[in-house]
N, C-alpha and C. Protein backbone atom coordinates (compact mmCIF):
# COMPACT_ATOMS: atom_id res chain seq x y z
N MET A 1 -55.57 -30.68 -3.12
CA MET A 1 -55.21 -29.74 -4.11
C MET A 1 -54.28 -30.40 -4.93
N LYS A 2 -54.31 -31.58 -5.69
CA LYS A 2 -53.71 -32.54 -6.08
C LYS A 2 -52.93 -31.36 -7.38
N ALA A 3 -51.51 -31.98 -7.70
CA ALA A 3 -50.32 -31.25 -8.56
C ALA A 3 -50.20 -31.89 -9.18
N THR A 4 -50.63 -31.71 -10.35
CA THR A 4 -50.23 -32.27 -11.93
C THR A 4 -49.12 -31.91 -12.40
N PHE A 5 -48.14 -32.86 -12.97
CA PHE A 5 -46.95 -32.91 -13.49
C PHE A 5 -46.87 -31.52 -14.32
N LYS A 6 -47.93 -30.96 -15.56
CA LYS A 6 -47.67 -29.44 -15.79
C LYS A 6 -47.13 -28.63 -14.97
N SER A 7 -47.98 -28.57 -13.61
CA SER A 7 -47.86 -27.58 -12.46
C SER A 7 -47.04 -27.45 -11.70
N VAL A 8 -46.18 -28.75 -11.14
CA VAL A 8 -44.97 -28.68 -10.50
C VAL A 8 -44.18 -28.39 -11.43
N ALA A 9 -43.55 -28.52 -12.65
CA ALA A 9 -42.69 -27.92 -14.00
C ALA A 9 -42.91 -26.74 -14.39
N LEU A 10 -44.77 -26.28 -14.11
CA LEU A 10 -44.28 -24.84 -14.34
C LEU A 10 -43.58 -24.05 -13.26
N ALA A 11 -43.93 -24.59 -11.61
CA ALA A 11 -43.41 -23.86 -10.51
C ALA A 11 -41.49 -24.09 -10.56
N LEU A 12 -41.01 -25.19 -11.27
CA LEU A 12 -39.65 -25.54 -11.07
C LEU A 12 -39.37 -24.89 -12.61
N SER A 13 -39.86 -23.99 -13.46
CA SER A 13 -39.12 -23.23 -14.37
C SER A 13 -39.01 -22.54 -14.08
N VAL A 14 -40.53 -21.76 -12.98
CA VAL A 14 -40.03 -20.22 -12.82
C VAL A 14 -39.00 -20.17 -12.11
N LEU A 15 -38.88 -21.26 -10.60
CA LEU A 15 -38.30 -21.05 -9.94
C LEU A 15 -36.84 -20.95 -10.16
N ALA A 16 -36.22 -22.20 -11.35
CA ALA A 16 -35.32 -22.08 -12.03
C ALA A 16 -34.47 -20.58 -12.52
N MET A 17 -35.81 -19.65 -13.08
CA MET A 17 -35.44 -18.54 -13.66
C MET A 17 -35.15 -17.57 -12.76
N VAL A 18 -36.18 -17.71 -11.47
CA VAL A 18 -35.34 -16.50 -10.50
C VAL A 18 -33.94 -16.83 -9.88
N VAL A 19 -33.61 -18.16 -9.60
CA VAL A 19 -32.23 -18.50 -8.93
C VAL A 19 -31.35 -17.84 -10.84
N ILE A 20 -31.76 -18.52 -11.37
CA ILE A 20 -30.27 -17.42 -12.83
C ILE A 20 -30.61 -16.31 -12.93
N THR A 21 -31.57 -15.67 -12.54
CA THR A 21 -31.53 -14.14 -12.64
C THR A 21 -30.96 -13.52 -11.10
N LEU A 22 -31.19 -14.08 -10.07
CA LEU A 22 -30.46 -13.73 -8.86
C LEU A 22 -28.65 -14.15 -9.51
N MET A 23 -28.69 -14.98 -9.87
CA MET A 23 -26.82 -15.35 -10.22
C MET A 23 -26.59 -14.39 -10.82
N VAL A 24 -26.99 -13.48 -11.77
CA VAL A 24 -26.40 -13.16 -12.47
C VAL A 24 -26.39 -11.78 -12.43
N ILE A 25 -27.33 -11.37 -11.59
CA ILE A 25 -27.32 -10.25 -11.07
C ILE A 25 -26.05 -10.47 -9.67
N ASP A 26 -25.70 -11.13 -8.88
CA ASP A 26 -24.39 -11.43 -8.19
C ASP A 26 -23.49 -11.44 -8.67
N ALA A 27 -23.32 -12.08 -9.85
CA ALA A 27 -22.36 -11.71 -11.23
C ALA A 27 -21.64 -10.31 -11.43
N ASN A 28 -22.49 -9.49 -11.73
CA ASN A 28 -22.61 -8.50 -12.18
C ASN A 28 -21.84 -7.49 -10.68
N ALA A 29 -22.42 -7.73 -9.69
CA ALA A 29 -22.36 -6.94 -8.39
C ALA A 29 -20.34 -7.41 -7.78
N ILE A 30 -20.47 -8.57 -8.35
CA ILE A 30 -18.80 -8.73 -8.19
C ILE A 30 -18.13 -8.18 -9.38
N ALA A 31 -18.21 -8.58 -10.61
CA ALA A 31 -17.66 -7.49 -11.60
C ALA A 31 -17.47 -6.13 -11.04
N ASP A 32 -18.38 -5.68 -10.99
CA ASP A 32 -18.63 -3.97 -10.16
C ASP A 32 -17.66 -3.53 -8.94
N VAL A 33 -17.56 -4.50 -8.08
CA VAL A 33 -16.76 -4.80 -7.10
C VAL A 33 -14.92 -4.46 -7.23
N SER A 34 -14.83 -5.57 -8.91
CA SER A 34 -13.44 -5.44 -8.76
C SER A 34 -13.31 -4.36 -10.01
N ALA A 35 -14.50 -3.82 -10.91
CA ALA A 35 -13.88 -2.76 -11.02
C ALA A 35 -13.65 -1.45 -10.79
N GLY A 36 -13.66 -1.51 -9.69
CA GLY A 36 -13.41 -0.02 -8.67
C GLY A 36 -12.13 -0.50 -7.76
N LYS A 37 -11.45 -1.43 -8.44
CA LYS A 37 -10.08 -1.72 -7.92
C LYS A 37 -9.13 -0.52 -8.41
N THR A 38 -7.80 -0.35 -7.71
CA THR A 38 -6.71 0.52 -8.30
C THR A 38 -5.87 -0.08 -8.82
N TYR A 39 -5.38 0.37 -10.05
CA TYR A 39 -4.16 -0.33 -10.64
C TYR A 39 -3.17 0.21 -11.08
N LEU A 40 -1.79 -0.04 -11.36
CA LEU A 40 -0.76 0.28 -12.00
C LEU A 40 -0.08 -0.41 -12.83
N ARG A 41 0.05 -0.02 -13.88
CA ARG A 41 0.80 -0.72 -15.27
C ARG A 41 2.19 0.25 -15.23
N VAL A 42 3.06 -0.58 -15.73
CA VAL A 42 4.54 0.31 -15.69
C VAL A 42 4.89 0.10 -17.29
N ASN A 43 5.27 1.59 -17.87
CA ASN A 43 5.67 0.81 -19.21
C ASN A 43 7.53 1.36 -19.34
N ALA A 44 8.40 0.33 -19.33
CA ALA A 44 9.63 0.70 -18.92
C ALA A 44 10.04 0.64 -20.19
N VAL A 45 11.10 1.75 -20.72
CA VAL A 45 11.76 2.45 -22.01
C VAL A 45 12.92 2.83 -21.67
N ASP A 46 13.56 2.56 -23.02
CA ASP A 46 15.12 3.19 -22.97
C ASP A 46 15.11 4.60 -23.35
N LEU A 47 16.51 5.33 -23.67
CA LEU A 47 16.40 6.48 -24.34
C LEU A 47 15.66 6.86 -25.39
N ASN A 48 15.77 6.03 -26.16
CA ASN A 48 15.01 6.05 -27.42
C ASN A 48 13.64 5.58 -27.48
N ASN A 49 12.96 5.26 -26.32
CA ASN A 49 11.51 4.80 -26.51
C ASN A 49 11.54 3.77 -26.69
N ASN A 50 12.47 3.07 -26.92
CA ASN A 50 12.50 1.33 -26.64
C ASN A 50 12.32 0.79 -25.91
N PRO A 51 11.08 -0.42 -25.80
CA PRO A 51 10.67 -1.13 -24.73
C PRO A 51 12.08 -1.78 -24.24
N VAL A 52 12.03 -1.78 -22.89
CA VAL A 52 12.79 -2.05 -22.04
C VAL A 52 11.98 -4.14 -21.44
N HIS A 53 12.72 -5.24 -22.10
CA HIS A 53 12.14 -6.06 -21.67
C HIS A 53 12.90 -6.79 -20.20
N ASN A 54 12.14 -7.51 -19.60
CA ASN A 54 12.44 -7.86 -18.50
C ASN A 54 13.07 -7.06 -17.59
N ALA A 55 12.54 -6.00 -17.41
CA ALA A 55 12.62 -5.06 -16.17
C ALA A 55 12.27 -5.34 -14.51
N LYS A 56 12.76 -5.27 -13.53
CA LYS A 56 12.07 -5.76 -12.34
C LYS A 56 11.29 -4.39 -12.14
N VAL A 57 9.85 -4.40 -11.69
CA VAL A 57 9.08 -3.37 -11.31
C VAL A 57 8.66 -3.57 -9.90
N THR A 58 9.14 -3.30 -8.91
CA THR A 58 8.43 -3.18 -7.42
C THR A 58 7.96 -1.89 -6.60
N VAL A 59 6.32 -2.38 -6.50
CA VAL A 59 5.48 -1.49 -6.03
C VAL A 59 4.80 -2.54 -4.95
N LEU A 60 4.81 -1.44 -3.43
CA LEU A 60 4.39 -1.94 -2.48
C LEU A 60 4.78 -3.33 -1.54
N GLY A 61 6.17 -3.71 -2.08
CA GLY A 61 6.57 -5.27 -1.45
C GLY A 61 6.34 -6.09 -3.06
N GLN A 62 5.65 -6.18 -4.01
CA GLN A 62 5.36 -6.93 -5.15
C GLN A 62 6.59 -6.88 -6.07
N SER A 63 7.04 -7.60 -6.67
CA SER A 63 7.72 -7.42 -7.87
C SER A 63 7.47 -8.39 -9.11
N PHE A 64 7.29 -7.75 -10.16
CA PHE A 64 6.52 -8.06 -11.23
C PHE A 64 8.20 -7.64 -12.29
N ASN A 65 8.03 -8.39 -13.64
CA ASN A 65 8.99 -8.27 -14.87
C ASN A 65 7.90 -7.54 -15.79
N THR A 66 8.61 -6.93 -16.65
CA THR A 66 8.22 -6.84 -17.84
C THR A 66 8.25 -7.30 -19.25
N ASP A 67 7.39 -7.08 -19.85
CA ASP A 67 7.33 -8.11 -21.33
C ASP A 67 7.83 -7.50 -22.40
N ASN A 68 7.91 -8.23 -23.97
CA ASN A 68 8.84 -7.90 -24.33
C ASN A 68 8.36 -6.66 -24.86
N LYS A 69 7.39 -5.76 -24.58
CA LYS A 69 6.92 -4.69 -25.24
C LYS A 69 7.32 -3.90 -24.07
N GLY A 70 8.07 -4.09 -23.00
CA GLY A 70 8.32 -3.24 -22.01
C GLY A 70 7.08 -2.75 -20.60
N LEU A 71 6.10 -4.21 -21.18
CA LEU A 71 4.85 -3.55 -20.09
C LEU A 71 5.24 -4.39 -18.80
N SER A 72 4.48 -3.85 -17.29
CA SER A 72 4.33 -4.90 -16.54
C SER A 72 3.01 -5.27 -16.96
N PRO A 73 2.66 -6.44 -15.98
CA PRO A 73 1.19 -6.48 -16.03
C PRO A 73 0.56 -5.57 -14.67
N ALA A 74 -0.99 -5.46 -15.15
CA ALA A 74 -1.50 -4.36 -14.31
C ALA A 74 -1.57 -5.20 -12.94
N MET A 75 -1.13 -3.81 -12.13
CA MET A 75 -0.88 -4.41 -10.62
C MET A 75 -1.82 -3.82 -9.51
N GLU A 76 -2.82 -4.72 -9.04
CA GLU A 76 -3.55 -4.17 -8.26
C GLU A 76 -3.07 -3.93 -6.34
N LEU A 77 -3.22 -2.55 -6.55
CA LEU A 77 -2.71 -1.67 -5.19
C LEU A 77 -3.89 -1.49 -4.57
N SER A 78 -3.32 -2.27 -3.42
CA SER A 78 -4.37 -1.68 -1.90
C SER A 78 -3.73 -1.14 -0.71
N GLY A 79 -4.22 -0.88 0.32
CA GLY A 79 -3.47 -0.21 1.05
C GLY A 79 -2.81 1.00 0.75
N LEU A 80 -3.39 1.96 0.16
CA LEU A 80 -2.53 2.48 -0.36
C LEU A 80 -3.03 3.71 0.84
N SER A 81 -2.21 5.40 0.33
CA SER A 81 -2.22 6.45 1.15
C SER A 81 -1.66 7.60 0.22
N ASN A 82 -1.71 8.71 0.87
CA ASN A 82 -1.69 9.96 0.25
C ASN A 82 -0.56 10.43 0.95
N CYS A 83 0.62 10.61 0.25
CA CYS A 83 1.46 11.45 0.93
C CYS A 83 1.10 12.85 0.94
N TYR A 84 0.73 13.57 0.19
CA TYR A 84 0.48 15.02 0.96
C TYR A 84 -0.74 15.15 1.22
N ASP A 85 -1.77 14.42 1.72
CA ASP A 85 -3.25 15.25 2.57
C ASP A 85 -3.80 13.65 2.72
N GLU A 86 -3.82 12.80 4.04
CA GLU A 86 -4.34 11.67 4.15
C GLU A 86 -6.30 11.64 4.27
N ASN A 87 -6.17 13.10 3.90
CA ASN A 87 -7.40 13.13 3.91
C ASN A 87 -8.63 12.79 2.45
N ILE A 88 -7.78 12.87 1.89
CA ILE A 88 -8.26 12.63 0.28
C ILE A 88 -8.28 11.22 -0.12
N ALA A 89 -9.50 11.56 -0.55
CA ALA A 89 -10.25 9.74 -1.15
C ALA A 89 -10.15 9.76 -2.47
N GLU A 90 -9.56 10.46 -3.86
CA GLU A 90 -9.97 10.11 -4.89
C GLU A 90 -8.44 9.47 -5.45
N TRP A 91 -7.57 10.02 -5.04
CA TRP A 91 -5.95 9.59 -5.48
C TRP A 91 -5.74 9.56 -4.31
N LYS A 92 -4.25 8.54 -4.61
CA LYS A 92 -3.31 7.98 -3.64
C LYS A 92 -1.99 7.90 -4.31
N THR A 93 -0.70 7.81 -3.52
CA THR A 93 0.44 7.70 -4.17
C THR A 93 1.07 6.35 -3.60
N VAL A 94 2.15 6.17 -4.44
CA VAL A 94 3.05 5.44 -4.27
C VAL A 94 4.33 5.13 -4.77
N THR A 95 5.14 4.80 -4.38
CA THR A 95 6.32 4.42 -4.92
C THR A 95 6.85 3.30 -5.44
N VAL A 96 7.36 3.59 -6.69
CA VAL A 96 7.63 2.32 -7.82
C VAL A 96 9.12 2.76 -8.17
N VAL A 97 9.72 1.21 -7.93
CA VAL A 97 11.20 1.35 -8.40
C VAL A 97 11.27 0.17 -9.57
N VAL A 98 12.34 0.96 -10.51
CA VAL A 98 12.61 -0.12 -11.75
C VAL A 98 14.03 -0.47 -11.71
N SER A 99 14.41 -1.70 -11.79
CA SER A 99 15.45 -1.68 -12.45
C SER A 99 15.84 -3.15 -13.19
N LEU A 100 16.88 -2.97 -13.80
CA LEU A 100 17.66 -4.16 -15.03
C LEU A 100 19.17 -3.91 -14.85
N ASP A 101 19.99 -4.77 -14.99
CA ASP A 101 21.08 -4.96 -15.25
C ASP A 101 21.54 -4.48 -16.15
N GLY A 102 22.43 -3.22 -15.84
CA GLY A 102 23.03 -2.66 -17.37
C GLY A 102 22.15 -0.87 -17.53
N TYR A 103 21.03 -1.13 -16.90
CA TYR A 103 20.64 0.12 -16.86
C TYR A 103 20.52 0.73 -15.07
N VAL A 104 20.61 2.46 -15.11
CA VAL A 104 20.23 2.42 -13.79
C VAL A 104 18.89 2.83 -13.02
N THR A 105 18.78 2.03 -11.93
CA THR A 105 17.86 2.03 -10.95
C THR A 105 17.10 3.03 -11.27
N ALA A 106 15.65 2.90 -11.78
CA ALA A 106 14.64 4.43 -11.55
C ALA A 106 14.09 4.27 -10.46
N VAL A 107 13.53 5.33 -10.02
CA VAL A 107 12.70 5.19 -8.45
C VAL A 107 11.77 6.29 -8.42
N ASN A 108 10.37 6.36 -8.87
CA ASN A 108 9.54 7.13 -9.22
C ASN A 108 8.87 7.33 -7.80
N PHE A 109 8.88 8.63 -6.87
CA PHE A 109 8.66 8.88 -5.62
C PHE A 109 6.98 9.71 -5.97
N ASN A 110 5.74 9.10 -5.43
CA ASN A 110 4.49 9.89 -5.19
C ASN A 110 3.84 9.67 -6.53
N CYS A 111 4.13 8.70 -6.93
CA CYS A 111 3.63 8.41 -8.02
C CYS A 111 1.80 8.31 -8.00
N VAL A 112 1.02 9.03 -8.50
CA VAL A 112 -0.54 9.09 -8.56
C VAL A 112 -1.22 8.68 -9.36
N VAL A 113 -2.05 7.74 -8.35
CA VAL A 113 -2.65 6.84 -8.55
C VAL A 113 -4.38 6.91 -8.47
N TYR A 114 -5.06 7.18 -9.24
CA TYR A 114 -6.70 7.58 -8.81
C TYR A 114 -7.41 6.20 -8.63
N VAL A 115 -8.48 5.95 -7.73
CA VAL A 115 -8.90 5.39 -6.68
C VAL A 115 -9.73 4.63 -7.82
N GLY A 116 -9.84 3.06 -8.04
CA GLY A 116 -10.75 2.64 -8.69
C GLY A 116 -10.37 3.12 -10.18
N GLN A 117 -8.86 2.99 -10.48
CA GLN A 117 -8.77 3.48 -12.36
C GLN A 117 -7.51 2.56 -12.43
N THR A 118 -7.29 2.39 -13.49
CA THR A 118 -5.68 2.10 -13.85
C THR A 118 -4.94 3.01 -14.49
N ARG A 119 -3.70 3.19 -13.85
CA ARG A 119 -2.63 3.92 -14.12
C ARG A 119 -1.19 3.13 -14.74
N LYS A 120 -1.02 3.73 -16.39
CA LYS A 120 -0.13 3.50 -16.89
C LYS A 120 1.37 4.64 -16.79
N LEU A 121 2.20 4.01 -16.05
CA LEU A 121 3.17 4.97 -15.91
C LEU A 121 4.03 4.92 -16.80
N THR A 122 4.98 5.53 -17.57
CA THR A 122 6.00 5.22 -18.63
C THR A 122 7.63 5.56 -17.19
N VAL A 123 8.25 4.88 -17.42
CA VAL A 123 9.88 5.12 -16.60
C VAL A 123 10.77 5.17 -18.01
N LYS A 124 11.55 5.69 -17.56
CA LYS A 124 12.78 6.38 -19.18
C LYS A 124 13.68 5.35 -17.82
N LEU A 125 14.47 4.37 -18.74
CA LEU A 125 15.64 3.77 -17.78
C LEU A 125 17.29 4.45 -18.68
N TYR A 126 17.75 4.56 -18.05
CA TYR A 126 19.18 5.05 -18.67
C TYR A 126 20.47 3.98 -18.54
N PRO A 127 21.15 3.71 -19.43
CA PRO A 127 22.07 2.92 -19.40
C PRO A 127 22.95 3.37 -18.73
N VAL A 128 23.57 2.19 -18.10
CA VAL A 128 25.01 2.26 -17.16
C VAL A 128 25.75 2.76 -17.85
N ASP A 129 26.42 3.84 -17.57
CA ASP A 129 28.03 4.41 -18.40
C ASP A 129 29.12 4.80 -17.09
N SER A 130 30.13 5.61 -17.79
CA SER A 130 30.80 5.71 -16.89
C SER A 130 30.65 6.94 -15.91
N SER A 131 29.58 7.05 -15.83
CA SER A 131 29.49 8.53 -14.68
C SER A 131 29.04 7.73 -13.17
N ASP A 132 28.51 7.95 -12.33
CA ASP A 132 28.92 7.65 -10.87
C ASP A 132 27.43 7.59 -10.61
N LEU A 133 26.20 7.90 -11.46
CA LEU A 133 24.84 7.79 -11.17
C LEU A 133 24.43 6.98 -11.13
N PRO A 134 23.96 6.50 -9.71
CA PRO A 134 23.35 5.18 -9.10
C PRO A 134 22.50 5.09 -8.88
N TYR A 135 21.27 5.99 -8.96
CA TYR A 135 20.19 6.09 -9.60
C TYR A 135 19.93 7.25 -10.28
N THR A 136 18.39 7.22 -10.92
CA THR A 136 17.00 8.20 -10.92
C THR A 136 16.63 8.30 -10.09
N VAL A 137 15.86 9.54 -9.85
CA VAL A 137 14.94 10.06 -9.06
C VAL A 137 14.02 10.80 -9.84
N TYR A 138 12.58 10.16 -9.61
CA TYR A 138 11.45 10.98 -10.58
C TYR A 138 10.60 11.48 -9.21
N VAL A 139 10.38 12.70 -8.69
CA VAL A 139 9.22 13.03 -7.67
C VAL A 139 7.96 13.13 -8.46
N GLU A 140 6.48 12.76 -8.64
CA GLU A 140 5.67 13.10 -9.08
C GLU A 140 4.79 14.32 -8.58
N SER A 141 4.28 15.38 -9.11
CA SER A 141 3.71 16.09 -8.34
C SER A 141 2.36 15.71 -8.16
N PRO A 142 1.49 16.46 -7.45
CA PRO A 142 -0.04 16.43 -6.81
C PRO A 142 -0.63 16.37 -8.16
N PRO A 143 -1.86 16.08 -8.53
CA PRO A 143 -2.57 16.67 -9.32
C PRO A 143 -2.57 18.11 -9.31
N ASP A 144 -3.39 18.74 -10.70
CA ASP A 144 -3.21 20.51 -10.63
C ASP A 144 -4.24 21.17 -9.64
N ASP A 145 -5.27 20.29 -9.49
CA ASP A 145 -6.20 21.16 -8.86
C ASP A 145 -5.78 21.08 -7.17
N TYR A 146 -4.81 20.17 -6.83
CA TYR A 146 -4.58 20.51 -5.57
C TYR A 146 -3.61 21.48 -5.26
N VAL A 147 -2.44 21.61 -6.13
CA VAL A 147 -1.37 22.57 -6.34
C VAL A 147 -2.20 23.56 -6.54
N LYS A 148 -3.20 24.01 -7.06
CA LYS A 148 -3.76 25.39 -7.65
C LYS A 148 -4.61 25.81 -6.02
N ASN A 149 -5.50 24.51 -5.57
CA ASN A 149 -5.67 24.97 -3.97
C ASN A 149 -5.00 25.24 -3.26
N LEU A 150 -3.91 25.02 -3.31
CA LEU A 150 -2.60 25.22 -1.91
C LEU A 150 -2.48 26.62 -2.36
N ILE A 151 -2.00 27.22 -3.36
CA ILE A 151 -1.73 28.57 -3.52
C ILE A 151 -2.78 29.22 -3.67
N GLY A 152 -3.91 29.07 -3.54
CA GLY A 152 -5.19 29.98 -3.52
C GLY A 152 -5.38 30.82 -4.76
N LYS A 153 -5.36 29.58 -5.86
CA LYS A 153 -5.73 29.92 -7.53
C LYS A 153 -6.68 29.03 -7.81
């Protein structure tokens, strides 16, 4: 059977379409994996809810600074645990530290983040004054369903 230029070109066109389709499917699969990642974005504000620029946000040993709007970049979180119940897979907890010269360091324990979602956490920073306040501590409660289940309601 003798192949003509037309039949070879047709076969190559079909093959190219199959390869392009597979590349698009593979790219979508990669996008779906990254969409399943867990992120935290911190919004640092002062007592008047004004953004605090250049605050240092530390999470899981990584540090980032807030921008002019008081926002940290979206920080990807991995290797998370759940301080309330290690068997819970839907949400995890993490400790967040926010600091800046002139402000009292804020520590947020047990910040709840839902797996596969981005959590935006607002942290209020108090200006340093004549008090002996070395830091502020926030301890976040677990989700409502978890608490209701604990108390049997």
